Amino acid sequence: MFALAADGKTNRKGMPNPLRLAVIARPPFDVVRLPFPPAVVQRAGLALGAPLDKVLGYRSTYARTVDPLPANA
């Protein structure tokens, strides 16, 4: 999440777009959930959103494409 924010891929509240968030939230869903909406609704949203996200190229991890420090720093 920090790398997404550093690369400007989050909104002003620090959240990625809903499609990217579906891919990020799916793996740890059994241990981490939002307090609202109900878990059934969250699971349905993730089930519908995550496959679409992978088609769009989003992954559950984010690798920065730009080196944060120059080589001579």
PDB file of N, CA and C in Angstrom:
ATOM      1  N   MET A   1       0.823  -1.185   0.000  1.00  0.00           N
ATOM      2  CA  MET A   1       0.000   0.000   0.000  1.00  0.00           C
ATOM      3  C   MET A   1       0.871   1.255   0.000  1.00  0.00           C
ATOM      4  N   PHE A   2       2.006   1.197   0.708  1.00  0.00           N
ATOM      5  CA  PHE A   2       2.881   2.369   0.742  1.00  0.00           C
ATOM      6  C   PHE A   2       3.457   2.657  -0.639  1.00  0.00           C
ATOM      7  N   ALA A   3       3.835   1.605  -1.365  1.00  0.00           N
ATOM      8  CA  ALA A   3       4.393   1.801  -2.708  1.00  0.00           C
ATOM      9  C   ALA A   3       3.333   2.348  -3.660  1.00  0.00           C
ATOM     10  N   LEU A   4       2.108   1.880  -3.532  1.00  0.00           N
ATOM     11  CA  LEU A   4       1.030   2.414  -4.369  1.00  0.00           C
ATOM     12  C   LEU A   4       0.853   3.911  -4.114  1.00  0.00           C
ATOM     13  N   ALA A   5       0.860   4.293  -2.844  1.00  0.00           N
ATOM     14  CA  ALA A   5       0.713   5.708  -2.509  1.00  0.00           C
ATOM     15  C   ALA A   5       1.883   6.517  -3.035  1.00  0.00           C
ATOM     16  N   ALA A   6       3.102   5.991  -2.889  1.00  0.00           N
ATOM     17  CA  ALA A   6       4.289   6.707  -3.355  1.00  0.00           C
ATOM     18  C   ALA A   6       4.271   6.891  -4.870  1.00  0.00           C
ATOM     19  N   ASP A   7       3.661   5.953  -5.581  1.00  0.00           N
ATOM     20  CA  ASP A   7       3.576   6.048  -7.039  1.00  0.00           C
ATOM     21  C   ASP A   7       2.325   6.781  -7.510  1.00  0.00           C
ATOM     22  N   GLY A   8       1.560   7.338  -6.568  1.00  0.00           N
ATOM     23  CA  GLY A   8       0.376   8.112  -6.943  1.00  0.00           C
ATOM     24  C   GLY A   8      -0.792   7.279  -7.414  1.00  0.00           C
ATOM     25  N   LYS A   9      -0.888   6.031  -6.970  1.00  0.00           N
ATOM     26  CA  LYS A   9      -1.958   5.141  -7.415  1.00  0.00           C
ATOM     27  C   LYS A   9      -3.034   4.963  -6.346  1.00  0.00           C
ATOM     28  N   THR A  10      -3.158   5.954  -5.455  1.00  0.00           N
ATOM     29  CA  THR A  10      -4.209   5.949  -4.454  1.00  0.00           C
ATOM     30  C   THR A  10      -4.939   7.288  -4.507  1.00  0.00           C
ATOM     31  N   ASN A  11      -6.116   7.323  -3.901  1.00  0.00           N
ATOM     32  CA  ASN A  11      -6.849   8.585  -3.848  1.00  0.00           C
ATOM     33  C   ASN A  11      -6.312   9.447  -2.704  1.00  0.00           C
ATOM     34  N   ARG A  12      -6.924  10.566  -2.440  1.00  0.00           N
ATOM     35  CA  ARG A  12      -6.400  11.470  -1.410  1.00  0.00           C
ATOM     36  C   ARG A  12      -6.526  10.889  -0.013  1.00  0.00           C
ATOM     37  N   LYS A  13      -7.347   9.856   0.158  1.00  0.00           N
ATOM     38  CA  LYS A  13      -7.466   9.177   1.453  1.00  0.00           C
ATOM     39  C   LYS A  13      -6.500   8.002   1.582  1.00  0.00           C
ATOM     40  N   GLY A  14      -5.720   7.749   0.525  1.00  0.00           N
ATOM     41  CA  GLY A  14      -4.740   6.663   0.570  1.00  0.00           C
ATOM     42  C   GLY A  14      -5.254   5.312   0.133  1.00  0.00           C
ATOM     43  N   MET A  15      -6.441   5.279  -0.474  1.00  0.00           N
ATOM     44  CA  MET A  15      -7.025   4.012  -0.906  1.00  0.00           C
ATOM     45  C   MET A  15      -6.834   3.825  -2.407  1.00  0.00           C
ATOM     46  N   PRO A  16      -6.479   2.606  -2.836  1.00  0.00           N
ATOM     47  CA  PRO A  16      -6.404   2.338  -4.271  1.00  0.00           C
ATOM     48  C   PRO A  16      -7.814   2.245  -4.851  1.00  0.00           C
ATOM     49  N   ASN A  17      -7.902   2.199  -6.178  1.00  0.00           N
ATOM     50  CA  ASN A  17      -9.229   2.096  -6.786  1.00  0.00           C
ATOM     51  C   ASN A  17      -9.882   0.769  -6.372  1.00  0.00           C
ATOM     52  N   PRO A  18     -11.210   0.680  -6.419  1.00  0.00           N
ATOM     53  CA  PRO A  18     -11.906  -0.516  -5.940  1.00  0.00           C
ATOM     54  C   PRO A  18     -11.484  -1.809  -6.632  1.00  0.00           C
ATOM     55  N   LEU A  19     -11.161  -1.760  -7.916  1.00  0.00           N
ATOM     56  CA  LEU A  19     -10.742  -2.982  -8.595  1.00  0.00           C
ATOM     57  C   LEU A  19      -9.406  -3.490  -8.055  1.00  0.00           C
ATOM     58  N   ARG A  20      -8.445  -2.588  -7.883  1.00  0.00           N
ATOM     59  CA  ARG A  20      -7.149  -2.996  -7.333  1.00  0.00           C
ATOM     60  C   ARG A  20      -7.325  -3.471  -5.886  1.00  0.00           C
ATOM     61  N   LEU A  21      -8.184  -2.816  -5.150  1.00  0.00           N
ATOM     62  CA  LEU A  21      -8.419  -3.190  -3.755  1.00  0.00           C
ATOM     63  C   LEU A  21      -9.006  -4.598  -3.652  1.00  0.00           C
ATOM     64  N   ALA A  22      -9.863  -4.992  -4.594  1.00  0.00           N
ATOM     65  CA  ALA A  22     -10.436  -6.338  -4.579  1.00  0.00           C
ATOM     66  C   ALA A  22      -9.353  -7.396  -4.697  1.00  0.00           C
ATOM     67  N   VAL A  23      -8.362  -7.160  -5.526  1.00  0.00           N
ATOM     68  CA  VAL A  23      -7.269  -8.130  -5.686  1.00  0.00           C
ATOM     69  C   VAL A  23      -6.399  -8.166  -4.437  1.00  0.00           C
ATOM     70  N   ILE A  24      -6.136  -7.006  -3.852  1.00  0.00           N
ATOM     71  CA  ILE A  24      -5.291  -6.934  -2.654  1.00  0.00           C
ATOM     72  C   ILE A  24      -5.988  -7.588  -1.463  1.00  0.00           C
ATOM     73  N   ALA A  25      -7.284  -7.386  -1.316  1.00  0.00           N
ATOM     74  CA  ALA A  25      -8.010  -7.847  -0.138  1.00  0.00           C
ATOM     75  C   ALA A  25      -8.397  -9.320  -0.183  1.00  0.00           C
ATOM     76  N   ARG A  26      -8.372  -9.936  -1.334  1.00  0.00           N
ATOM     77  CA  ARG A  26      -8.860 -11.315  -1.429  1.00  0.00           C
ATOM     78  C   ARG A  26      -8.009 -12.334  -0.669  1.00  0.00           C
ATOM     79  N   PRO A  27      -6.682 -12.352  -0.797  1.00  0.00           N
ATOM     80  CA  PRO A  27      -5.910 -13.389  -0.082  1.00  0.00           C
ATOM     81  C   PRO A  27      -6.068 -13.379   1.447  1.00  0.00           C
ATOM     82  N   PRO A  28      -6.025 -12.216   2.119  1.00  0.00           N
ATOM     83  CA  PRO A  28      -6.138 -12.273   3.583  1.00  0.00           C
ATOM     84  C   PRO A  28      -7.570 -12.162   4.103  1.00  0.00           C
ATOM     85  N   PHE A  29      -8.575 -12.390   3.262  1.00  0.00           N
ATOM     86  CA  PHE A  29      -9.966 -12.147   3.665  1.00  0.00           C
ATOM     87  C   PHE A  29     -10.396 -12.989   4.853  1.00  0.00           C
ATOM     88  N   ASP A  30      -9.843 -14.177   5.021  1.00  0.00           N
ATOM     89  CA  ASP A  30     -10.249 -15.033   6.134  1.00  0.00           C
ATOM     90  C   ASP A  30      -9.827 -14.478   7.494  1.00  0.00           C
ATOM     91  N   VAL A  31      -8.821 -13.609   7.519  1.00  0.00           N
ATOM     92  CA  VAL A  31      -8.353 -13.061   8.797  1.00  0.00           C
ATOM     93  C   VAL A  31      -8.582 -11.557   8.929  1.00  0.00           C
ATOM     94  N   VAL A  32      -8.800 -10.855   7.818  1.00  0.00           N
ATOM     95  CA  VAL A  32      -8.989  -9.403   7.852  1.00  0.00           C
ATOM     96  C   VAL A  32     -10.242  -9.053   7.053  1.00  0.00           C
ATOM     97  N   ARG A  33     -11.181  -8.388   7.717  1.00  0.00           N
ATOM     98  CA  ARG A  33     -12.410  -7.956   7.057  1.00  0.00           C
ATOM     99  C   ARG A  33     -12.760  -6.555   7.503  1.00  0.00           C
ATOM    100  N   LEU A  34     -13.540  -5.877   6.696  1.00  0.00           N
ATOM    101  CA  LEU A  34     -14.068  -4.573   7.064  1.00  0.00           C
ATOM    102  C   LEU A  34     -15.255  -4.764   8.010  1.00  0.00           C
ATOM    103  N   PRO A  35     -15.514  -3.804   8.882  1.00  0.00           N
ATOM    104  CA  PRO A  35     -16.657  -3.946   9.782  1.00  0.00           C
ATOM    105  C   PRO A  35     -18.001  -3.825   9.061  1.00  0.00           C
ATOM    106  N   PHE A  36     -18.000  -3.197   7.903  1.00  0.00           N
ATOM    107  CA  PHE A  36     -19.221  -3.014   7.139  1.00  0.00           C
ATOM    108  C   PHE A  36     -18.857  -2.978   5.676  1.00  0.00           C
ATOM    109  N   PRO A  37     -19.553  -3.520   4.774  1.00  0.00           N
ATOM    110  CA  PRO A  37     -20.787  -4.285   4.803  1.00  0.00           C
ATOM    111  C   PRO A  37     -20.558  -5.692   5.362  1.00  0.00           C
ATOM    112  N   PRO A  38     -21.629  -6.475   5.495  1.00  0.00           N
ATOM    113  CA  PRO A  38     -21.492  -7.833   6.026  1.00  0.00           C
ATOM    114  C   PRO A  38     -20.497  -8.668   5.209  1.00  0.00           C
ATOM    115  N   ALA A  39     -19.910  -9.653   5.856  1.00  0.00           N
ATOM    116  CA  ALA A  39     -18.885 -10.495   5.224  1.00  0.00           C
ATOM    117  C   ALA A  39     -19.387 -11.156   3.941  1.00  0.00           C
ATOM    118  N   VAL A  40     -20.647 -11.531   3.907  1.00  0.00           N
ATOM    119  CA  VAL A  40     -21.216 -12.168   2.706  1.00  0.00           C
ATOM    120  C   VAL A  40     -21.162 -11.211   1.522  1.00  0.00           C
ATOM    121  N   VAL A  41     -21.484  -9.957   1.755  1.00  0.00           N
ATOM    122  CA  VAL A  41     -21.451  -8.947   0.694  1.00  0.00           C
ATOM    123  C   VAL A  41     -20.012  -8.693   0.261  1.00  0.00           C
ATOM    124  N   GLN A  42     -19.093  -8.620   1.223  1.00  0.00           N
ATOM    125  CA  GLN A  42     -17.677  -8.422   0.893  1.00  0.00           C
ATOM    126  C   GLN A  42     -17.151  -9.583   0.059  1.00  0.00           C
ATOM    127  N   ARG A  43     -17.472 -10.799   0.480  1.00  0.00           N
ATOM    128  CA  ARG A  43     -16.996 -11.984  -0.250  1.00  0.00           C
ATOM    129  C   ARG A  43     -17.546 -11.996  -1.682  1.00  0.00           C
ATOM    130  N   ALA A  44     -18.801 -11.620  -1.870  1.00  0.00           N
ATOM    131  CA  ALA A  44     -19.393 -11.575  -3.210  1.00  0.00           C
ATOM    132  C   ALA A  44     -18.687 -10.526  -4.072  1.00  0.00           C
ATOM    133  N   GLY A  45     -18.415  -9.365  -3.488  1.00  0.00           N
ATOM    134  CA  GLY A  45     -17.708  -8.324  -4.235  1.00  0.00           C
ATOM    135  C   GLY A  45     -16.320  -8.749  -4.648  1.00  0.00           C
ATOM    136  N   LEU A  46     -15.616  -9.414  -3.741  1.00  0.00           N
ATOM    137  CA  LEU A  46     -14.274  -9.897  -4.063  1.00  0.00           C
ATOM    138  C   LEU A  46     -14.322 -10.989  -5.127  1.00  0.00           C
ATOM    139  N   ALA A  47     -15.305 -11.871  -5.031  1.00  0.00           N
ATOM    140  CA  ALA A  47     -15.423 -12.955  -6.007  1.00  0.00           C
ATOM    141  C   ALA A  47     -15.699 -12.415  -7.408  1.00  0.00           C
ATOM    142  N   LEU A  48     -16.456 -11.337  -7.495  1.00  0.00           N
ATOM    143  CA  LEU A  48     -16.761 -10.752  -8.800  1.00  0.00           C
ATOM    144  C   LEU A  48     -15.635  -9.845  -9.299  1.00  0.00           C
ATOM    145  N   GLY A  49     -15.024  -9.103  -8.396  1.00  0.00           N
ATOM    146  CA  GLY A  49     -14.019  -8.123  -8.789  1.00  0.00           C
ATOM    147  C   GLY A  49     -12.648  -8.675  -9.063  1.00  0.00           C
ATOM    148  N   ALA A  50     -12.183  -9.620  -8.280  1.00  0.00           N
ATOM    149  CA  ALA A  50     -10.804 -10.090  -8.393  1.00  0.00           C
ATOM    150  C   ALA A  50     -10.464 -10.704  -9.759  1.00  0.00           C
ATOM    151  N   PRO A  51     -11.301 -11.560 -10.329  1.00  0.00           N
ATOM    152  CA  PRO A  51     -10.955 -12.093 -11.648  1.00  0.00           C
ATOM    153  C   PRO A  51     -10.853 -11.007 -12.728  1.00  0.00           C
ATOM    154  N   LEU A  52     -11.733 -10.034 -12.676  1.00  0.00           N
ATOM    155  CA  LEU A  52     -11.693  -8.928 -13.628  1.00  0.00           C
ATOM    156  C   LEU A  52     -10.399  -8.136 -13.469  1.00  0.00           C
ATOM    157  N   ASP A  53      -9.993  -7.941 -12.234  1.00  0.00           N
ATOM    158  CA  ASP A  53      -8.771  -7.188 -11.962  1.00  0.00           C
ATOM    159  C   ASP A  53      -7.543  -7.867 -12.543  1.00  0.00           C
ATOM    160  N   LYS A  54      -7.495  -9.171 -12.429  1.00  0.00           N
ATOM    161  CA  LYS A  54      -6.336  -9.895 -12.969  1.00  0.00           C
ATOM    162  C   LYS A  54      -6.274  -9.757 -14.489  1.00  0.00           C
ATOM    163  N   VAL A  55      -7.439  -9.725 -15.128  1.00  0.00           N
ATOM    164  CA  VAL A  55      -7.485  -9.506 -16.571  1.00  0.00           C
ATOM    165  C   VAL A  55      -6.931  -8.117 -16.902  1.00  0.00           C
ATOM    166  N   LEU A  56      -7.217  -7.139 -16.034  1.00  0.00           N
ATOM    167  CA  LEU A  56      -6.734  -5.775 -16.244  1.00  0.00           C
ATOM    168  C   LEU A  56      -5.272  -5.600 -15.850  1.00  0.00           C
ATOM    169  N   GLY A  57      -4.676  -6.645 -15.270  1.00  0.00           N
ATOM    170  CA  GLY A  57      -3.262  -6.589 -14.943  1.00  0.00           C
ATOM    171  C   GLY A  57      -2.930  -6.284 -13.498  1.00  0.00           C
ATOM    172  N   TYR A  58      -3.932  -6.152 -12.631  1.00  0.00           N
ATOM    173  CA  TYR A  58      -3.671  -5.909 -11.217  1.00  0.00           C
ATOM    174  C   TYR A  58      -3.276  -7.220 -10.544  1.00  0.00           C
ATOM    175  N   ARG A  59      -2.380  -7.162  -9.585  1.00  0.00           N
ATOM    176  CA  ARG A  59      -1.940  -8.334  -8.837  1.00  0.00           C
ATOM    177  C   ARG A  59      -2.107  -8.062  -7.346  1.00  0.00           C
ATOM    178  N   SER A  60      -2.067  -9.110  -6.526  1.00  0.00           N
ATOM    179  CA  SER A  60      -2.247  -8.930  -5.089  1.00  0.00           C
ATOM    180  C   SER A  60      -1.032  -8.299  -4.428  1.00  0.00           C
ATOM    181  N   THR A  61       0.091  -8.293  -5.109  1.00  0.00           N
ATOM    182  CA  THR A  61       1.266  -7.566  -4.629  1.00  0.00           C
ATOM    183  C   THR A  61       1.624  -6.517  -5.667  1.00  0.00           C
ATOM    184  N   TYR A  62       2.308  -5.489  -5.235  1.00  0.00           N
ATOM    185  CA  TYR A  62       2.658  -4.400  -6.135  1.00  0.00           C
ATOM    186  C   TYR A  62       4.160  -4.206  -6.113  1.00  0.00           C
ATOM    187  N   ALA A  63       4.774  -4.297  -7.259  1.00  0.00           N
ATOM    188  CA  ALA A  63       6.205  -4.063  -7.390  1.00  0.00           C
ATOM    189  C   ALA A  63       6.408  -2.722  -8.075  1.00  0.00           C
ATOM    190  N   ARG A  64       7.192  -1.883  -7.445  1.00  0.00           N
ATOM    191  CA  ARG A  64       7.445  -0.561  -8.034  1.00  0.00           C
ATOM    192  C   ARG A  64       8.210  -0.721  -9.340  1.00  0.00           C
ATOM    193  N   THR A  65       7.849   0.082 -10.305  1.00  0.00           N
ATOM    194  CA  THR A  65       8.512   0.019 -11.603  1.00  0.00           C
ATOM    195  C   THR A  65       9.682   0.973 -11.697  1.00  0.00           C
ATOM    196  N   VAL A  66       9.790   1.863 -10.722  1.00  0.00           N
ATOM    197  CA  VAL A  66      10.864   2.856 -10.707  1.00  0.00           C
ATOM    198  C   VAL A  66      11.702   2.652  -9.464  1.00  0.00           C
ATOM    199  N   ASP A  67      13.016   2.632  -9.612  1.00  0.00           N
ATOM    200  CA  ASP A  67      13.902   2.508  -8.469  1.00  0.00           C
ATOM    201  C   ASP A  67      13.755   3.759  -7.601  1.00  0.00           C
ATOM    202  N   PRO A  68      13.459   3.622  -6.286  1.00  0.00           N
ATOM    203  CA  PRO A  68      13.237   4.808  -5.463  1.00  0.00           C
ATOM    204  C   PRO A  68      14.483   5.658  -5.245  1.00  0.00           C
ATOM    205  N   LEU A  69      15.675   5.085  -5.387  1.00  0.00           N
ATOM    206  CA  LEU A  69      16.908   5.830  -5.211  1.00  0.00           C
ATOM    207  C   LEU A  69      17.787   5.712  -6.450  1.00  0.00           C
ATOM    208  N   PRO A  70      18.428   6.788  -6.868  1.00  0.00           N
ATOM    209  CA  PRO A  70      19.358   6.684  -7.992  1.00  0.00           C
ATOM    210  C   PRO A  70      20.529   5.763  -7.630  1.00  0.00           C
ATOM    211  N   ALA A  71      21.144   5.182  -8.638  1.00  0.00           N
ATOM    212  CA  ALA A  71      22.243   4.224  -8.427  1.00  0.00           C
ATOM    213  C   ALA A  71      23.443   4.861  -7.732  1.00  0.00           C
ATOM    214  N   ASN A  72      23.682   6.142  -7.934  1.00  0.00           N
ATOM    215  CA  ASN A  72      24.853   6.783  -7.337  1.00  0.00           C
ATOM    216  C   ASN A  72      24.544   7.464  -6.006  1.00  0.00           C
ATOM    217  N   ALA A  73      23.395   7.211  -5.420  1.00  0.00           N
ATOM    218  CA  ALA A  73      23.033   7.874  -4.154  1.00  0.00           C
ATOM    219  C   ALA A  73      23.602   7.173  -2.952  1.00  0.00           C
TER     220      ALA A  73
END
